[in-house]
Amino acid sequence: MLKIGSHVSISGGLIGAAKEAYSYGANTFMIYTGAPQNTKRSPIENLKIKEGRAFMEAHGLSDLVVHAPYIINLASYKDEIYKLAKECLALEIERTTAIGSNYLVLHPGSFTDKTYEYGAQRIAAGLNEVLTEETKPLICLETMAGKGKEIGRSFEELRDIIDRIELKHKIGVCFDTCHVHDSGYDIINNLDEVFAEFDRIIGLDRLKVFHLNGSLNPCGAKKDRHANLGASEDNPKGKDFIGKAALYHVVHHPVAVGKPIILETPWLDKKTNLYKEEIAFLRGDQIEL
């Protein structure tokens, strides 16, 4: 079954997020449990979880995904930032569990002024400290685009982190189409080969979530700028270098079927998104974007 949705707001609690997702024709969705740029969080009892789960049950919404805040940097060499990252991750695991999600997507981190080896070791040490046998959601390390000093730029880097984790069965991967394209994987012409490489290096059993995004840059640019599906040169958000056909192929590939697929495509302004049209297109309704 095709499970597809988008990032939605948690400002109205889980019930508000579920209703927004349903309005786009989604059957899954992704939330942040608070602002993605900071650690400020509303008490979990204010998130209307019971009402949200009831709405989801009644309207065929399942497999919601939680995304950890961007402020978490487990690769940091600064003690205060590293301590904050571990504390924030532990809190997000608690909130993800309370919300009832099986997936917490995490950007691995950036080694900034240090080395890759230092950063990878810090990420693994932080995860080993936070994860326990009682941890319920899978921590899904996200494939990254390769900008700056971020880690997760290749399947090998993600495998390197996983190899250092003690509780490996608590780790999954989130496959972001913009990021893998920008990092140099040709998902336009060689999708089968890319998935085969992923399977050889990491294992497709670890691929749990997809982020589906176009890219404003050519393959290998290492920029990480999302585009709407098939956006053209005259679109105010620019050209999509991946294209609708390639992204449609990703969604309907056997590797993706049954897994939550989350759109993070740009809003055209502060009040307009194309989630409903993009979801309809990807379902095969052939609506022009």
C-alpha atoms as a PDB file:
ATOM      1  CA  MET A   1       0.000   0.000   0.000  1.00  0.00           C
ATOM      2  CA  LEU A   2       1.186   3.500  -0.836  1.00  0.00           C
ATOM      3  CA  LYS A   3       1.673   5.526   2.357  1.00  0.00           C
ATOM      4  CA  ILE A   4       2.158   9.175   1.514  1.00  0.00           C
ATOM      5  CA  GLY A   5       1.783  12.490   3.301  1.00  0.00           C
ATOM      6  CA  SER A   6       3.701  15.600   4.238  1.00  0.00           C
ATOM      7  CA  HIS A   7       5.135  17.561   7.092  1.00  0.00           C
ATOM      8  CA  VAL A   8       2.269  19.232   8.995  1.00  0.00           C
ATOM      9  CA  SER A   9       2.042  21.622  11.926  1.00  0.00           C
ATOM     10  CA  ILE A  10       1.665  20.438  15.520  1.00  0.00           C
ATOM     11  CA  SER A  11       0.462  23.877  16.664  1.00  0.00           C
ATOM     12  CA  GLY A  12      -3.088  22.521  17.051  1.00  0.00           C
ATOM     13  CA  GLY A  13      -1.903  19.351  18.740  1.00  0.00           C
ATOM     14  CA  LEU A  14      -1.946  15.900  17.170  1.00  0.00           C
ATOM     15  CA  ILE A  15      -5.621  16.298  16.286  1.00  0.00           C
ATOM     16  CA  GLY A  16      -4.833  19.464  14.321  1.00  0.00           C
ATOM     17  CA  ALA A  17      -1.904  17.785  12.574  1.00  0.00           C
ATOM     18  CA  ALA A  18      -4.016  14.753  11.640  1.00  0.00           C
ATOM     19  CA  LYS A  19      -6.831  16.929  10.266  1.00  0.00           C
ATOM     20  CA  GLU A  20      -4.369  18.985   8.210  1.00  0.00           C
ATOM     21  CA  ALA A  21      -2.802  15.823   6.775  1.00  0.00           C
ATOM     22  CA  TYR A  22      -6.222  14.392   5.921  1.00  0.00           C
ATOM     23  CA  SER A  23      -7.154  17.613   4.102  1.00  0.00           C
ATOM     24  CA  TYR A  24      -4.245  16.975   1.712  1.00  0.00           C
ATOM     25  CA  GLY A  25      -5.443  13.458   0.890  1.00  0.00           C
ATOM     26  CA  ALA A  26      -2.659  11.906   2.969  1.00  0.00           C
ATOM     27  CA  ASN A  27      -2.699   8.622   4.843  1.00  0.00           C
ATOM     28  CA  THR A  28       0.457   9.329   6.835  1.00  0.00           C
ATOM     29  CA  PHE A  29       2.275  12.491   7.954  1.00  0.00           C
ATOM     30  CA  MET A  30       5.287  13.911   9.795  1.00  0.00           C
ATOM     31  CA  ILE A  31       5.478  16.357  12.692  1.00  0.00           C
ATOM     32  CA  TYR A  32       8.010  18.093  14.864  1.00  0.00           C
ATOM     33  CA  THR A  33       6.881  18.021  18.490  1.00  0.00           C
ATOM     34  CA  GLY A  34       7.792  21.715  18.730  1.00  0.00           C
ATOM     35  CA  ALA A  35       9.742  24.305  16.758  1.00  0.00           C
ATOM     36  CA  PRO A  36      12.469  22.526  14.738  1.00  0.00           C
ATOM     37  CA  GLN A  37      15.050  25.244  15.447  1.00  0.00           C
ATOM     38  CA  ASN A  38      14.962  25.185  19.265  1.00  0.00           C
ATOM     39  CA  THR A  39      14.237  23.043  22.320  1.00  0.00           C
ATOM     40  CA  LYS A  40      11.124  24.880  23.505  1.00  0.00           C
ATOM     41  CA  ARG A  41       8.340  22.315  23.826  1.00  0.00           C
ATOM     42  CA  SER A  42       4.700  22.422  24.885  1.00  0.00           C
ATOM     43  CA  PRO A  43       3.883  19.895  27.644  1.00  0.00           C
ATOM     44  CA  ILE A  44       2.976  16.543  26.151  1.00  0.00           C
ATOM     45  CA  GLU A  45      -0.410  16.634  27.889  1.00  0.00           C
ATOM     46  CA  ASN A  46      -1.304  19.688  25.782  1.00  0.00           C
ATOM     47  CA  LEU A  47      -0.820  17.906  22.450  1.00  0.00           C
ATOM     48  CA  LYS A  48      -4.314  16.335  22.284  1.00  0.00           C
ATOM     49  CA  ILE A  49      -2.857  12.925  21.552  1.00  0.00           C
ATOM     50  CA  LYS A  50      -5.954  10.885  22.421  1.00  0.00           C
ATOM     51  CA  GLU A  51      -8.145  12.968  20.104  1.00  0.00           C
ATOM     52  CA  GLY A  52      -5.504  12.855  17.373  1.00  0.00           C
ATOM     53  CA  ARG A  53      -5.115   9.082  17.526  1.00  0.00           C
ATOM     54  CA  ALA A  54      -8.897   8.652  17.403  1.00  0.00           C
ATOM     55  CA  PHE A  55      -9.109  10.837  14.275  1.00  0.00           C
ATOM     56  CA  MET A  56      -6.269   8.902  12.673  1.00  0.00           C
ATOM     57  CA  GLU A  57      -7.994   5.608  13.375  1.00  0.00           C
ATOM     58  CA  ALA A  58     -11.276   6.844  11.925  1.00  0.00           C
ATOM     59  CA  HIS A  59      -9.735   8.323   8.775  1.00  0.00           C
ATOM     60  CA  GLY A  60      -7.098   5.779   7.769  1.00  0.00           C
ATOM     61  CA  LEU A  61      -4.006   7.703   8.881  1.00  0.00           C
ATOM     62  CA  SER A  62      -1.121   5.609  10.189  1.00  0.00           C
ATOM     63  CA  ASP A  63       2.651   5.349  10.590  1.00  0.00           C
ATOM     64  CA  LEU A  64       3.147   8.994  11.533  1.00  0.00           C
ATOM     65  CA  VAL A  65       6.766  10.113  11.666  1.00  0.00           C
ATOM     66  CA  VAL A  66       8.419  12.488  14.149  1.00  0.00           C
ATOM     67  CA  HIS A  67      11.428  14.584  13.140  1.00  0.00           C
ATOM     68  CA  ALA A  68      13.964  15.585  15.793  1.00  0.00           C
ATOM     69  CA  PRO A  69      14.827  19.309  15.984  1.00  0.00           C
ATOM     70  CA  TYR A  70      17.707  20.555  13.849  1.00  0.00           C
ATOM     71  CA  ILE A  71      19.422  21.977  16.921  1.00  0.00           C
ATOM     72  CA  ILE A  72      20.572  18.490  17.932  1.00  0.00           C
ATOM     73  CA  ASN A  73      24.231  18.054  16.933  1.00  0.00           C
ATOM     74  CA  LEU A  74      25.652  14.848  18.345  1.00  0.00           C
ATOM     75  CA  ALA A  75      28.923  15.430  16.447  1.00  0.00           C
ATOM     76  CA  SER A  76      29.733  18.662  18.300  1.00  0.00           C
ATOM     77  CA  TYR A  77      33.028  19.016  20.178  1.00  0.00           C
ATOM     78  CA  LYS A  78      31.561  21.719  22.438  1.00  0.00           C
ATOM     79  CA  ASP A  79      30.540  20.158  25.732  1.00  0.00           C
ATOM     80  CA  GLU A  80      27.468  22.332  26.274  1.00  0.00           C
ATOM     81  CA  ILE A  81      26.127  21.655  22.764  1.00  0.00           C
ATOM     82  CA  TYR A  82      26.829  17.927  23.049  1.00  0.00           C
ATOM     83  CA  LYS A  83      25.116  17.743  26.433  1.00  0.00           C
ATOM     84  CA  LEU A  84      22.107  19.650  25.066  1.00  0.00           C
ATOM     85  CA  ALA A  85      21.963  17.320  22.041  1.00  0.00           C
ATOM     86  CA  LYS A  86      21.799  14.201  24.214  1.00  0.00           C
ATOM     87  CA  GLU A  87      19.224  15.695  26.578  1.00  0.00           C
ATOM     88  CA  CYS A  88      17.068  16.936  23.701  1.00  0.00           C
ATOM     89  CA  LEU A  89      17.246  13.589  21.905  1.00  0.00           C
ATOM     90  CA  ALA A  90      16.223  11.749  25.068  1.00  0.00           C
ATOM     91  CA  LEU A  91      13.272  14.125  25.466  1.00  0.00           C
ATOM     92  CA  GLU A  92      12.223  13.673  21.832  1.00  0.00           C
ATOM     93  CA  ILE A  93      12.305   9.907  22.265  1.00  0.00           C
ATOM     94  CA  GLU A  94       9.913  10.268  25.218  1.00  0.00           C
ATOM     95  CA  ARG A  95       7.600  12.547  23.231  1.00  0.00           C
ATOM     96  CA  THR A  96       7.717  10.341  20.142  1.00  0.00           C
ATOM     97  CA  THR A  97       6.768   7.364  22.316  1.00  0.00           C
ATOM     98  CA  ALA A  98       3.881   9.278  23.913  1.00  0.00           C
ATOM     99  CA  ILE A  99       2.575  10.364  20.501  1.00  0.00           C
ATOM    100  CA  GLY A 100       2.653   6.762  19.315  1.00  0.00           C
ATOM    101  CA  SER A 101       5.163   7.036  16.472  1.00  0.00           C
ATOM    102  CA  ASN A 102       7.616   4.271  15.617  1.00  0.00           C
ATOM    103  CA  TYR A 103      10.059   6.590  13.840  1.00  0.00           C
ATOM    104  CA  LEU A 104      12.182   9.511  15.046  1.00  0.00           C
ATOM    105  CA  VAL A 105      14.172  10.992  12.155  1.00  0.00           C
ATOM    106  CA  LEU A 106      17.527  12.481  13.160  1.00  0.00           C
ATOM    107  CA  HIS A 107      20.175  14.454  11.273  1.00  0.00           C
ATOM    108  CA  PRO A 108      23.391  12.708  12.360  1.00  0.00           C
ATOM    109  CA  GLY A 109      25.366  15.902  13.040  1.00  0.00           C
ATOM    110  CA  SER A 110      28.179  18.157  11.837  1.00  0.00           C
ATOM    111  CA  PHE A 111      31.822  17.855  12.922  1.00  0.00           C
ATOM    112  CA  THR A 112      32.468  21.597  12.282  1.00  0.00           C
ATOM    113  CA  ASP A 113      36.074  22.363  13.345  1.00  0.00           C
ATOM    114  CA  LYS A 114      37.079  18.765  14.005  1.00  0.00           C
ATOM    115  CA  THR A 115      37.379  15.719  11.720  1.00  0.00           C
ATOM    116  CA  TYR A 116      34.914  13.220  10.316  1.00  0.00           C
ATOM    117  CA  GLU A 117      36.336  10.496  12.561  1.00  0.00           C
ATOM    118  CA  TYR A 118      35.863  12.675  15.641  1.00  0.00           C
ATOM    119  CA  GLY A 119      32.294  13.498  14.671  1.00  0.00           C
ATOM    120  CA  ALA A 120      31.322   9.900  13.870  1.00  0.00           C
ATOM    121  CA  GLN A 121      32.704   8.740  17.206  1.00  0.00           C
ATOM    122  CA  ARG A 122      30.766  11.449  19.066  1.00  0.00           C
ATOM    123  CA  ILE A 123      27.504  10.581  17.301  1.00  0.00           C
ATOM    124  CA  ALA A 124      27.854   6.914  18.149  1.00  0.00           C
ATOM    125  CA  ALA A 125      28.848   7.632  21.757  1.00  0.00           C
ATOM    126  CA  GLY A 126      25.853   9.933  22.200  1.00  0.00           C
ATOM    127  CA  LEU A 127      23.438   7.395  20.755  1.00  0.00           C
ATOM    128  CA  ASN A 128      24.953   4.630  22.872  1.00  0.00           C
ATOM    129  CA  GLU A 129      24.387   6.765  25.950  1.00  0.00           C
ATOM    130  CA  VAL A 130      20.782   7.666  25.125  1.00  0.00           C
ATOM    131  CA  LEU A 131      19.461   4.403  23.652  1.00  0.00           C
ATOM    132  CA  THR A 132      18.280   1.606  25.907  1.00  0.00           C
ATOM    133  CA  GLU A 133      16.501  -1.696  25.366  1.00  0.00           C
ATOM    134  CA  GLU A 134      13.319   0.124  26.430  1.00  0.00           C
ATOM    135  CA  THR A 135      13.619   2.721  23.636  1.00  0.00           C
ATOM    136  CA  LYS A 136      10.520   2.222  21.486  1.00  0.00           C
ATOM    137  CA  PRO A 137      10.864   4.394  18.357  1.00  0.00           C
ATOM    138  CA  LEU A 138      13.561   3.616  15.824  1.00  0.00           C
ATOM    139  CA  ILE A 139      16.118   6.402  15.467  1.00  0.00           C
ATOM    140  CA  CYS A 140      16.190   6.925  11.698  1.00  0.00           C
ATOM    141  CA  LEU A 141      19.463   8.532  10.646  1.00  0.00           C
ATOM    142  CA  GLU A 142      18.789  10.758   7.647  1.00  0.00           C
ATOM    143  CA  THR A 143      20.808  10.667   4.437  1.00  0.00           C
ATOM    144  CA  MET A 144      22.435  14.085   4.089  1.00  0.00           C
ATOM    145  CA  ALA A 145      23.314  16.259   1.084  1.00  0.00           C
ATOM    146  CA  GLY A 146      26.974  16.853   1.930  1.00  0.00           C
ATOM    147  CA  LYS A 147      26.923  20.580   2.634  1.00  0.00           C
ATOM    148  CA  GLY A 148      29.491  21.917   5.069  1.00  0.00           C
ATOM    149  CA  LYS A 149      30.832  19.344   7.522  1.00  0.00           C
ATOM    150  CA  GLU A 150      27.673  17.314   7.997  1.00  0.00           C
ATOM    151  CA  ILE A 151      27.938  13.550   8.438  1.00  0.00           C
ATOM    152  CA  GLY A 152      25.742  11.102   6.544  1.00  0.00           C
ATOM    153  CA  ARG A 153      26.844  12.270   3.093  1.00  0.00           C
ATOM    154  CA  SER A 154      27.192   8.714   1.851  1.00  0.00           C
ATOM    155  CA  PHE A 155      25.785   5.294   2.611  1.00  0.00           C
ATOM    156  CA  GLU A 156      29.257   4.372   3.880  1.00  0.00           C
ATOM    157  CA  GLU A 157      29.167   7.136   6.495  1.00  0.00           C
ATOM    158  CA  LEU A 158      25.789   6.004   7.791  1.00  0.00           C
ATOM    159  CA  ARG A 159      27.029   2.402   7.903  1.00  0.00           C
ATOM    160  CA  ASP A 160      30.109   3.576   9.815  1.00  0.00           C
ATOM    161  CA  ILE A 161      27.902   5.138  12.496  1.00  0.00           C
ATOM    162  CA  ILE A 162      25.627   2.100  12.687  1.00  0.00           C
ATOM    163  CA  ASP A 163      28.639  -0.189  13.085  1.00  0.00           C
ATOM    164  CA  ARG A 164      29.585   1.744  16.239  1.00  0.00           C
ATOM    165  CA  ILE A 165      26.109   1.496  17.819  1.00  0.00           C
ATOM    166  CA  GLU A 166      25.627  -1.102  20.524  1.00  0.00           C
ATOM    167  CA  LEU A 167      21.855  -1.464  20.107  1.00  0.00           C
ATOM    168  CA  LYS A 168      21.849  -1.651  16.327  1.00  0.00           C
ATOM    169  CA  HIS A 169      18.261  -2.914  16.247  1.00  0.00           C
ATOM    170  CA  LYS A 170      17.177   0.532  17.455  1.00  0.00           C
ATOM    171  CA  ILE A 171      18.571   2.238  14.327  1.00  0.00           C
ATOM    172  CA  GLY A 172      16.898   2.820  10.945  1.00  0.00           C
ATOM    173  CA  VAL A 173      17.527   5.166   8.008  1.00  0.00           C
ATOM    174  CA  CYS A 174      15.466   7.935   6.417  1.00  0.00           C
ATOM    175  CA  PHE A 175      16.127   8.219   2.666  1.00  0.00           C
ATOM    176  CA  ASP A 176      15.789  11.838   1.485  1.00  0.00           C
ATOM    177  CA  THR A 177      15.581  12.130  -2.311  1.00  0.00           C
ATOM    178  CA  CYS A 178      16.923  15.698  -2.471  1.00  0.00           C
ATOM    179  CA  HIS A 179      19.797  14.828  -0.164  1.00  0.00           C
ATOM    180  CA  VAL A 180      20.905  11.636  -1.933  1.00  0.00           C
ATOM    181  CA  HIS A 181      20.639  13.431  -5.302  1.00  0.00           C
ATOM    182  CA  ASP A 182      22.660  16.393  -4.054  1.00  0.00           C
ATOM    183  CA  SER A 183      25.247  14.097  -2.471  1.00  0.00           C
ATOM    184  CA  GLY A 184      25.867  12.454  -5.856  1.00  0.00           C
ATOM    185  CA  TYR A 185      23.612   9.396  -6.175  1.00  0.00           C
ATOM    186  CA  ASP A 186      21.841   9.208  -9.557  1.00  0.00           C
ATOM    187  CA  ILE A 187      18.275   8.379  -8.573  1.00  0.00           C
ATOM    188  CA  ILE A 188      17.031   9.765 -11.907  1.00  0.00           C
ATOM    189  CA  ASN A 189      18.685   7.255 -14.233  1.00  0.00           C
ATOM    190  CA  ASN A 190      19.944   4.539 -11.883  1.00  0.00           C
ATOM    191  CA  LEU A 191      17.434   4.164  -9.049  1.00  0.00           C
ATOM    192  CA  ASP A 192      17.650   0.368  -8.996  1.00  0.00           C
ATOM    193  CA  GLU A 193      21.431   0.559  -8.733  1.00  0.00           C
ATOM    194  CA  VAL A 194      21.233   3.154  -5.935  1.00  0.00           C
ATOM    195  CA  PHE A 195      18.901   0.934  -3.914  1.00  0.00           C
ATOM    196  CA  ALA A 196      21.155  -2.054  -4.622  1.00  0.00           C
ATOM    197  CA  GLU A 197      24.142  -0.072  -3.325  1.00  0.00           C
ATOM    198  CA  PHE A 198      22.168   0.932  -0.244  1.00  0.00           C
ATOM    199  CA  ASP A 199      21.304  -2.714   0.341  1.00  0.00           C
ATOM    200  CA  ARG A 200      24.918  -3.819  -0.056  1.00  0.00           C
ATOM    201  CA  ILE A 201      26.307  -1.183   2.311  1.00  0.00           C
ATOM    202  CA  ILE A 202      23.546  -0.671   4.894  1.00  0.00           C
ATOM    203  CA  GLY A 203      20.772  -3.163   4.161  1.00  0.00           C
ATOM    204  CA  LEU A 204      17.304  -2.334   2.874  1.00  0.00           C
ATOM    205  CA  ASP A 205      15.847  -3.733   6.092  1.00  0.00           C
ATOM    206  CA  ARG A 206      17.040  -0.527   7.793  1.00  0.00           C
ATOM    207  CA  LEU A 207      15.312   1.805   5.302  1.00  0.00           C
ATOM    208  CA  LYS A 208      12.178   2.822   7.215  1.00  0.00           C
ATOM    209  CA  VAL A 209      11.129   6.317   6.035  1.00  0.00           C
ATOM    210  CA  PHE A 210      11.346   8.388   2.841  1.00  0.00           C
ATOM    211  CA  HIS A 211      11.515  12.160   2.526  1.00  0.00           C
ATOM    212  CA  LEU A 212      10.345  12.989  -0.989  1.00  0.00           C
ATOM    213  CA  ASN A 213      11.661  16.265  -2.373  1.00  0.00           C
ATOM    214  CA  GLY A 214      12.807  17.718  -5.656  1.00  0.00           C
ATOM    215  CA  SER A 215      16.129  19.554  -5.791  1.00  0.00           C
ATOM    216  CA  LEU A 216      17.010  23.051  -6.958  1.00  0.00           C
ATOM    217  CA  ASN A 217      20.496  21.829  -7.878  1.00  0.00           C
ATOM    218  CA  PRO A 218      22.067  19.236 -10.197  1.00  0.00           C
ATOM    219  CA  CYS A 219      23.237  15.843  -8.960  1.00  0.00           C
ATOM    220  CA  GLY A 220      26.324  16.102  -6.757  1.00  0.00           C
ATOM    221  CA  ALA A 221      25.936  19.819  -5.966  1.00  0.00           C
ATOM    222  CA  LYS A 222      25.951  19.181  -2.185  1.00  0.00           C
ATOM    223  CA  LYS A 223      23.574  22.103  -1.578  1.00  0.00           C
ATOM    224  CA  ASP A 224      20.372  20.748   0.056  1.00  0.00           C
ATOM    225  CA  ARG A 225      17.739  23.070  -1.388  1.00  0.00           C
ATOM    226  CA  HIS A 226      14.373  21.394  -1.809  1.00  0.00           C
ATOM    227  CA  ALA A 227      12.156  21.974  -4.848  1.00  0.00           C
ATOM    228  CA  ASN A 228       8.522  21.298  -5.611  1.00  0.00           C
ATOM    229  CA  LEU A 229       7.934  18.264  -7.788  1.00  0.00           C
ATOM    230  CA  GLY A 230       8.752  19.155 -11.385  1.00  0.00           C
ATOM    231  CA  ALA A 231       9.070  22.874 -10.689  1.00  0.00           C
ATOM    232  CA  SER A 232      10.004  24.756 -13.856  1.00  0.00           C
ATOM    233  CA  GLU A 233      12.249  27.698 -14.616  1.00  0.00           C
ATOM    234  CA  ASP A 234       9.315  30.112 -14.408  1.00  0.00           C
ATOM    235  CA  ASN A 235       8.293  28.812 -10.978  1.00  0.00           C
ATOM    236  CA  PRO A 236       9.231  31.312  -8.249  1.00  0.00           C
ATOM    237  CA  LYS A 237      10.871  28.466  -6.346  1.00  0.00           C
ATOM    238  CA  GLY A 238      13.011  27.435  -9.321  1.00  0.00           C
ATOM    239  CA  LYS A 239      13.691  24.287 -11.358  1.00  0.00           C
ATOM    240  CA  ASP A 240      13.473  20.763  -9.987  1.00  0.00           C
ATOM    241  CA  PHE A 241      16.574  18.931 -11.234  1.00  0.00           C
ATOM    242  CA  ILE A 242      15.186  15.540 -10.201  1.00  0.00           C
ATOM    243  CA  GLY A 243      11.812  15.845 -11.928  1.00  0.00           C
ATOM    244  CA  LYS A 244       8.311  14.464 -11.485  1.00  0.00           C
ATOM    245  CA  ALA A 245       8.917  11.258 -13.419  1.00  0.00           C
ATOM    246  CA  ALA A 246      11.904  10.223 -11.313  1.00  0.00           C
ATOM    247  CA  LEU A 247      10.144  11.011  -8.029  1.00  0.00           C
ATOM    248  CA  TYR A 248       7.036   9.145  -9.163  1.00  0.00           C
ATOM    249  CA  HIS A 249       9.308   6.186  -9.875  1.00  0.00           C
ATOM    250  CA  VAL A 250      10.757   6.378  -6.344  1.00  0.00           C
ATOM    251  CA  VAL A 251       7.297   6.371  -4.754  1.00  0.00           C
ATOM    252  CA  HIS A 252       6.106   3.357  -6.752  1.00  0.00           C
ATOM    253  CA  HIS A 253       9.331   1.372  -6.460  1.00  0.00           C
ATOM    254  CA  PRO A 254       8.938  -1.891  -4.493  1.00  0.00           C
ATOM    255  CA  VAL A 255      11.485  -0.613  -1.955  1.00  0.00           C
ATOM    256  CA  ALA A 256       9.232   2.341  -1.058  1.00  0.00           C
ATOM    257  CA  VAL A 257       5.825   0.682  -1.074  1.00  0.00           C
ATOM    258  CA  GLY A 258       4.439   0.294   2.442  1.00  0.00           C
ATOM    259  CA  LYS A 259       6.873   2.752   4.017  1.00  0.00           C
ATOM    260  CA  PRO A 260       5.848   6.281   5.106  1.00  0.00           C
ATOM    261  CA  ILE A 261       6.767   8.754   2.345  1.00  0.00           C
ATOM    262  CA  ILE A 262       6.871  12.362   3.519  1.00  0.00           C
ATOM    263  CA  LEU A 263       6.840  15.461   1.311  1.00  0.00           C
ATOM    264  CA  GLU A 264       8.937  18.401   2.527  1.00  0.00           C
ATOM    265  CA  THR A 265       8.521  20.446  -0.637  1.00  0.00           C
ATOM    266  CA  PRO A 266       8.611  24.252  -0.307  1.00  0.00           C
ATOM    267  CA  TRP A 267       5.653  26.517   0.339  1.00  0.00           C
ATOM    268  CA  LEU A 268       5.179  28.983  -2.522  1.00  0.00           C
ATOM    269  CA  ASP A 269       4.545  31.707   0.024  1.00  0.00           C
ATOM    270  CA  LYS A 270       3.812  31.722   3.726  1.00  0.00           C
ATOM    271  CA  LYS A 271       0.258  30.472   3.198  1.00  0.00           C
ATOM    272  CA  THR A 272       0.330  28.165   0.162  1.00  0.00           C
ATOM    273  CA  ASN A 273       1.705  24.667  -0.330  1.00  0.00           C
ATOM    274  CA  LEU A 274       1.220  22.107  -3.085  1.00  0.00           C
ATOM    275  CA  TYR A 275       0.904  19.053  -0.850  1.00  0.00           C
ATOM    276  CA  LYS A 276      -2.612  18.151  -1.984  1.00  0.00           C
ATOM    277  CA  GLU A 277      -1.730  18.387  -5.678  1.00  0.00           C
ATOM    278  CA  GLU A 278       1.611  16.637  -5.239  1.00  0.00           C
ATOM    279  CA  ILE A 279       0.074  13.771  -3.252  1.00  0.00           C
ATOM    280  CA  ALA A 280      -2.663  13.342  -5.880  1.00  0.00           C
ATOM    281  CA  PHE A 281      -0.058  13.241  -8.648  1.00  0.00           C
ATOM    282  CA  LEU A 282       2.043  10.678  -6.833  1.00  0.00           C
ATOM    283  CA  ARG A 283      -1.009   8.499  -6.227  1.00  0.00           C
ATOM    284  CA  GLY A 284      -1.422   8.325  -9.978  1.00  0.00           C
ATOM    285  CA  ASP A 285      -4.251  10.823 -10.460  1.00  0.00           C
ATOM    286  CA  GLN A 286      -2.139  12.654 -13.049  1.00  0.00           C
ATOM    287  CA  ILE A 287      -2.903  16.189 -11.854  1.00  0.00           C
ATOM    288  CA  GLU A 288      -0.594  18.704 -13.496  1.00  0.00           C
ATOM    289  CA  LEU A 289       1.614  20.598 -11.039  1.00  0.00           C
END
